N, C-alpha and C. Protein backbone atom coordinates (compact mmCIF):
# COMPACT_ATOMS: atom_id res chain seq x y z
N UNK A 1 -19.01 -40.17 -45.60
CA UNK A 1 -19.42 -41.19 -44.57
C UNK A 1 -20.71 -41.62 -44.64
N UNK A 2 -20.98 -42.88 -44.45
CA UNK A 2 -22.37 -43.39 -44.82
C UNK A 2 -23.23 -43.13 -43.24
N UNK A 3 -24.42 -43.34 -43.52
CA UNK A 3 -25.26 -43.18 -42.42
C UNK A 3 -25.00 -44.21 -40.86
N UNK A 4 -24.35 -45.31 -41.49
CA UNK A 4 -24.05 -46.48 -40.43
C UNK A 4 -22.75 -45.90 -39.83
N UNK A 5 -21.73 -45.40 -40.64
CA UNK A 5 -20.75 -45.00 -39.85
C UNK A 5 -20.70 -43.88 -39.18
N UNK A 6 -21.81 -42.94 -39.49
CA UNK A 6 -21.83 -41.76 -38.67
C UNK A 6 -22.64 -42.28 -37.47
N UNK A 7 -23.46 -43.14 -37.44
CA UNK A 7 -24.18 -43.53 -35.95
C UNK A 7 -23.25 -44.43 -35.28
N UNK A 8 -22.24 -45.17 -35.89
CA UNK A 8 -21.24 -45.96 -34.94
C UNK A 8 -20.15 -44.86 -34.39
N UNK A 9 -19.93 -43.79 -35.20
CA UNK A 9 -19.16 -42.83 -34.57
C UNK A 9 -19.69 -42.19 -33.38
N UNK A 10 -20.98 -41.63 -33.87
CA UNK A 10 -21.52 -40.80 -32.77
C UNK A 10 -21.63 -41.78 -31.53
N UNK A 11 -22.18 -43.23 -31.60
CA UNK A 11 -22.29 -43.96 -30.41
C UNK A 11 -21.05 -44.28 -29.76
N UNK A 12 -19.76 -44.34 -30.49
CA UNK A 12 -18.42 -44.58 -29.72
C UNK A 12 -17.92 -43.28 -28.91
N UNK A 13 -18.62 -42.25 -29.35
CA UNK A 13 -18.39 -40.97 -28.46
C UNK A 13 -19.06 -40.67 -27.14
N UNK A 14 -19.83 -41.96 -27.14
CA UNK A 14 -20.85 -41.85 -25.74
C UNK A 14 -21.71 -40.67 -25.41
N UNK A 15 -22.56 -40.21 -26.21
CA UNK A 15 -23.20 -39.20 -26.27
C UNK A 15 -24.13 -39.37 -25.32
N UNK A 16 -24.37 -38.22 -24.38
CA UNK A 16 -25.40 -38.36 -23.38
C UNK A 16 -26.93 -38.00 -23.78
N UNK A 17 -27.01 -37.48 -25.01
CA UNK A 17 -28.47 -37.71 -25.86
C UNK A 17 -28.51 -38.50 -26.68
N UNK A 18 -28.30 -39.74 -26.53
CA UNK A 18 -28.39 -40.75 -27.76
C UNK A 18 -29.91 -41.53 -27.44
N UNK A 19 -30.62 -41.60 -28.15
CA UNK A 19 -31.85 -41.77 -28.20
C UNK A 19 -32.26 -43.46 -28.35
N UNK A 20 -33.31 -44.01 -27.80
CA UNK A 20 -33.36 -45.29 -27.90
C UNK A 20 -33.76 -45.76 -29.32
N UNK A 21 -34.44 -44.94 -30.10
CA UNK A 21 -34.48 -45.16 -31.50
C UNK A 21 -33.08 -45.37 -32.16
N UNK A 22 -31.87 -44.46 -31.92
CA UNK A 22 -30.86 -44.56 -32.53
C UNK A 22 -30.13 -45.83 -32.06
N UNK A 23 -30.28 -46.37 -30.80
CA UNK A 23 -29.54 -47.39 -30.19
C UNK A 23 -30.22 -48.64 -31.17
N UNK A 24 -31.53 -48.80 -31.05
CA UNK A 24 -32.10 -49.88 -31.81
C UNK A 24 -31.61 -49.78 -33.26
N UNK A 25 -31.84 -48.67 -33.96
CA UNK A 25 -31.27 -48.73 -35.62
C UNK A 25 -29.64 -49.01 -35.56
N UNK A 26 -28.93 -48.96 -34.45
CA UNK A 26 -27.57 -49.20 -34.69
C UNK A 26 -27.52 -50.63 -34.41
N UNK A 27 -28.18 -51.37 -33.25
CA UNK A 27 -28.07 -52.77 -33.07
C UNK A 27 -28.66 -53.41 -34.50
N UNK A 28 -29.56 -52.93 -34.89
CA UNK A 28 -30.22 -53.55 -36.39
C UNK A 28 -29.16 -53.45 -37.57
N UNK A 29 -28.42 -52.62 -37.62
CA UNK A 29 -27.46 -52.46 -38.46
C UNK A 29 -26.12 -53.16 -38.41
N UNK A 30 -26.10 -53.55 -37.24
CA UNK A 30 -24.88 -54.42 -36.92
C UNK A 30 -25.20 -55.84 -36.82
N UNK A 31 -26.44 -56.24 -37.24
CA UNK A 31 -27.09 -57.70 -37.33
C UNK A 31 -27.98 -58.24 -36.15
N UNK A 32 -28.29 -57.15 -35.20
CA UNK A 32 -29.08 -57.84 -34.36
C UNK A 32 -30.75 -57.77 -34.58
N UNK A 33 -31.29 -58.37 -33.93
CA UNK A 33 -32.81 -58.55 -34.19
C UNK A 33 -33.44 -58.23 -32.81
N UNK A 34 -34.61 -57.47 -32.81
CA UNK A 34 -35.10 -57.42 -31.52
C UNK A 34 -36.37 -58.46 -31.44
N UNK A 35 -36.20 -59.01 -30.11
CA UNK A 35 -37.14 -60.13 -30.02
C UNK A 35 -38.14 -59.72 -28.93
N UNK A 36 -39.59 -60.06 -29.26
CA UNK A 36 -40.45 -59.77 -28.45
C UNK A 36 -40.62 -60.86 -26.93
N UNK A 37 -40.63 -59.94 -26.00
CA UNK A 37 -40.47 -60.66 -24.70
C UNK A 37 -41.86 -61.32 -24.32
N UNK A 38 -42.69 -61.55 -24.95
CA UNK A 38 -44.29 -61.99 -24.67
C UNK A 38 -45.21 -60.90 -24.69
N UNK A 39 -46.31 -61.29 -24.16
CA UNK A 39 -47.53 -60.14 -24.25
C UNK A 39 -47.09 -59.30 -23.18
N UNK A 40 -46.39 -59.73 -21.89
CA UNK A 40 -46.28 -58.83 -20.74
C UNK A 40 -44.69 -58.05 -20.81
N UNK A 41 -44.26 -58.29 -21.89
CA UNK A 41 -42.77 -57.95 -21.79
C UNK A 41 -42.30 -56.52 -21.03
N UNK A 42 -43.33 -55.63 -21.22
CA UNK A 42 -43.12 -54.07 -20.73
C UNK A 42 -41.79 -53.53 -21.50
N UNK A 43 -41.02 -53.31 -20.74
CA UNK A 43 -39.85 -52.30 -21.17
C UNK A 43 -38.92 -53.00 -21.23
N UNK A 44 -38.82 -54.46 -21.00
CA UNK A 44 -37.57 -55.40 -21.10
C UNK A 44 -37.55 -55.62 -22.79
N UNK A 45 -36.29 -55.45 -23.32
CA UNK A 45 -35.97 -55.77 -24.50
C UNK A 45 -34.85 -56.49 -25.08
N UNK A 46 -34.97 -57.59 -25.88
CA UNK A 46 -33.77 -58.39 -25.82
C UNK A 46 -33.49 -58.27 -27.31
N UNK A 47 -32.30 -58.34 -27.67
CA UNK A 47 -31.54 -58.17 -29.00
C UNK A 47 -30.67 -59.37 -29.09
N UNK A 48 -30.82 -60.10 -30.25
CA UNK A 48 -30.16 -61.34 -30.67
C UNK A 48 -29.27 -61.43 -31.75
N UNK A 49 -28.17 -62.22 -31.76
CA UNK A 49 -27.52 -61.89 -33.00
C UNK A 49 -27.02 -63.33 -33.23
N UNK A 50 -26.71 -63.74 -34.51
CA UNK A 50 -26.21 -65.10 -34.99
C UNK A 50 -25.16 -65.59 -34.18
N UNK A 51 -24.28 -64.79 -34.17
CA UNK A 51 -22.60 -65.25 -33.37
C UNK A 51 -22.24 -64.37 -32.18
N UNK A 52 -23.04 -63.31 -31.75
CA UNK A 52 -22.61 -62.42 -30.85
C UNK A 52 -23.59 -62.62 -29.55
N UNK A 53 -23.42 -62.38 -28.38
CA UNK A 53 -24.05 -62.44 -27.38
C UNK A 53 -25.29 -61.67 -27.20
N UNK A 54 -26.35 -62.20 -26.50
CA UNK A 54 -27.78 -61.56 -26.70
C UNK A 54 -27.65 -60.36 -25.72
N UNK A 55 -27.96 -59.24 -26.22
CA UNK A 55 -28.01 -58.14 -25.23
C UNK A 55 -29.49 -57.84 -24.93
N UNK A 56 -29.62 -57.82 -23.35
CA UNK A 56 -30.73 -57.57 -22.84
C UNK A 56 -31.02 -56.13 -22.13
N UNK A 57 -31.75 -55.28 -22.30
CA UNK A 57 -31.89 -54.17 -21.94
C UNK A 57 -33.29 -53.70 -21.36
N UNK A 58 -33.37 -52.58 -20.73
CA UNK A 58 -34.85 -51.98 -20.50
C UNK A 58 -34.92 -50.58 -21.29
N UNK A 59 -35.87 -50.75 -21.91
CA UNK A 59 -36.26 -49.48 -22.62
C UNK A 59 -36.46 -48.28 -21.76
N UNK A 60 -35.77 -46.94 -21.89
CA UNK A 60 -36.08 -46.11 -20.94
C UNK A 60 -37.46 -45.53 -21.16
N UNK A 61 -37.75 -45.12 -19.82
CA UNK A 61 -39.00 -44.64 -19.79
C UNK A 61 -39.02 -43.59 -18.33
N UNK A 62 -39.90 -42.50 -18.33
CA UNK A 62 -40.76 -42.02 -19.44
C UNK A 62 -40.02 -41.28 -20.76
N UNK A 63 -38.84 -41.09 -20.59
CA UNK A 63 -38.22 -40.47 -21.64
C UNK A 63 -37.66 -41.23 -22.63
N UNK A 64 -36.85 -40.88 -23.76
CA UNK A 64 -36.42 -41.70 -24.64
C UNK A 64 -34.87 -41.67 -24.64
N UNK A 65 -34.15 -41.02 -23.54
CA UNK A 65 -32.72 -41.00 -23.87
C UNK A 65 -31.99 -42.18 -22.84
N UNK A 66 -31.15 -42.79 -23.36
CA UNK A 66 -30.44 -43.94 -22.99
C UNK A 66 -29.69 -43.58 -22.05
N UNK A 67 -29.74 -44.06 -20.93
CA UNK A 67 -28.80 -44.14 -19.78
C UNK A 67 -27.31 -44.34 -20.26
N UNK A 68 -26.30 -43.73 -19.51
CA UNK A 68 -24.87 -43.81 -19.77
C UNK A 68 -24.42 -45.52 -19.27
N UNK A 69 -24.77 -46.02 -18.55
CA UNK A 69 -24.31 -47.36 -18.08
C UNK A 69 -24.82 -48.20 -19.26
N UNK A 70 -25.88 -48.15 -19.94
CA UNK A 70 -26.21 -48.95 -20.83
C UNK A 70 -25.74 -48.65 -22.29
N UNK A 71 -24.98 -47.39 -22.57
CA UNK A 71 -24.50 -47.37 -23.74
C UNK A 71 -22.89 -47.78 -23.19
N UNK A 72 -22.54 -47.76 -22.18
CA UNK A 72 -21.02 -48.28 -21.77
C UNK A 72 -21.18 -49.89 -22.13
N UNK A 73 -22.18 -50.34 -21.54
CA UNK A 73 -22.49 -51.95 -21.45
C UNK A 73 -22.40 -52.30 -23.14
N UNK A 74 -23.32 -51.67 -23.73
CA UNK A 74 -23.49 -52.22 -25.27
C UNK A 74 -22.27 -51.93 -26.13
N UNK A 75 -21.62 -50.90 -26.01
CA UNK A 75 -20.13 -50.74 -26.11
C UNK A 75 -19.54 -51.60 -26.30
N UNK A 76 -18.99 -51.99 -24.65
CA UNK A 76 -18.15 -53.01 -24.38
C UNK A 76 -18.68 -54.60 -25.08
N UNK A 77 -19.90 -54.79 -25.06
CA UNK A 77 -20.05 -56.19 -25.78
C UNK A 77 -19.77 -56.02 -27.48
N UNK A 78 -20.07 -54.83 -28.08
CA UNK A 78 -19.84 -54.77 -29.32
C UNK A 78 -18.40 -54.47 -29.76
N UNK A 79 -17.59 -54.03 -28.61
CA UNK A 79 -16.16 -54.13 -29.08
C UNK A 79 -15.29 -55.36 -28.95
N UNK A 80 -16.20 -56.15 -27.88
CA UNK A 80 -15.24 -57.48 -27.51
C UNK A 80 -15.45 -58.15 -28.68
N UNK A 81 -16.92 -58.09 -29.18
CA UNK A 81 -17.42 -58.87 -30.61
C UNK A 81 -16.77 -58.60 -32.14
N UNK A 82 -16.10 -57.15 -32.11
CA UNK A 82 -15.56 -56.70 -32.86
C UNK A 82 -16.43 -56.26 -34.02
N UNK A 83 -17.45 -55.81 -33.66
CA UNK A 83 -18.49 -55.20 -34.48
C UNK A 83 -18.39 -53.84 -34.61
N UNK A 84 -17.78 -53.22 -33.57
CA UNK A 84 -17.50 -51.70 -33.98
C UNK A 84 -16.06 -51.49 -33.60
């Protein structure tokens, strides 16, 4: 099983310890690109894809663990678009 497949499998299992870096890596491997929100973007992050909808999220802080509602939202978008 490749690293991408392992990451997708882990993500689909809705882990409660998924890190921001893992989520960014997953989205990158699925064709998403992180777009800077300007100089004062703060914790807001946008991920754009050529054909799929844009995903707008807040980077977790002060910790690095992604909230469950974010995982569920991203999973829903990726599933509807047939990316996972």
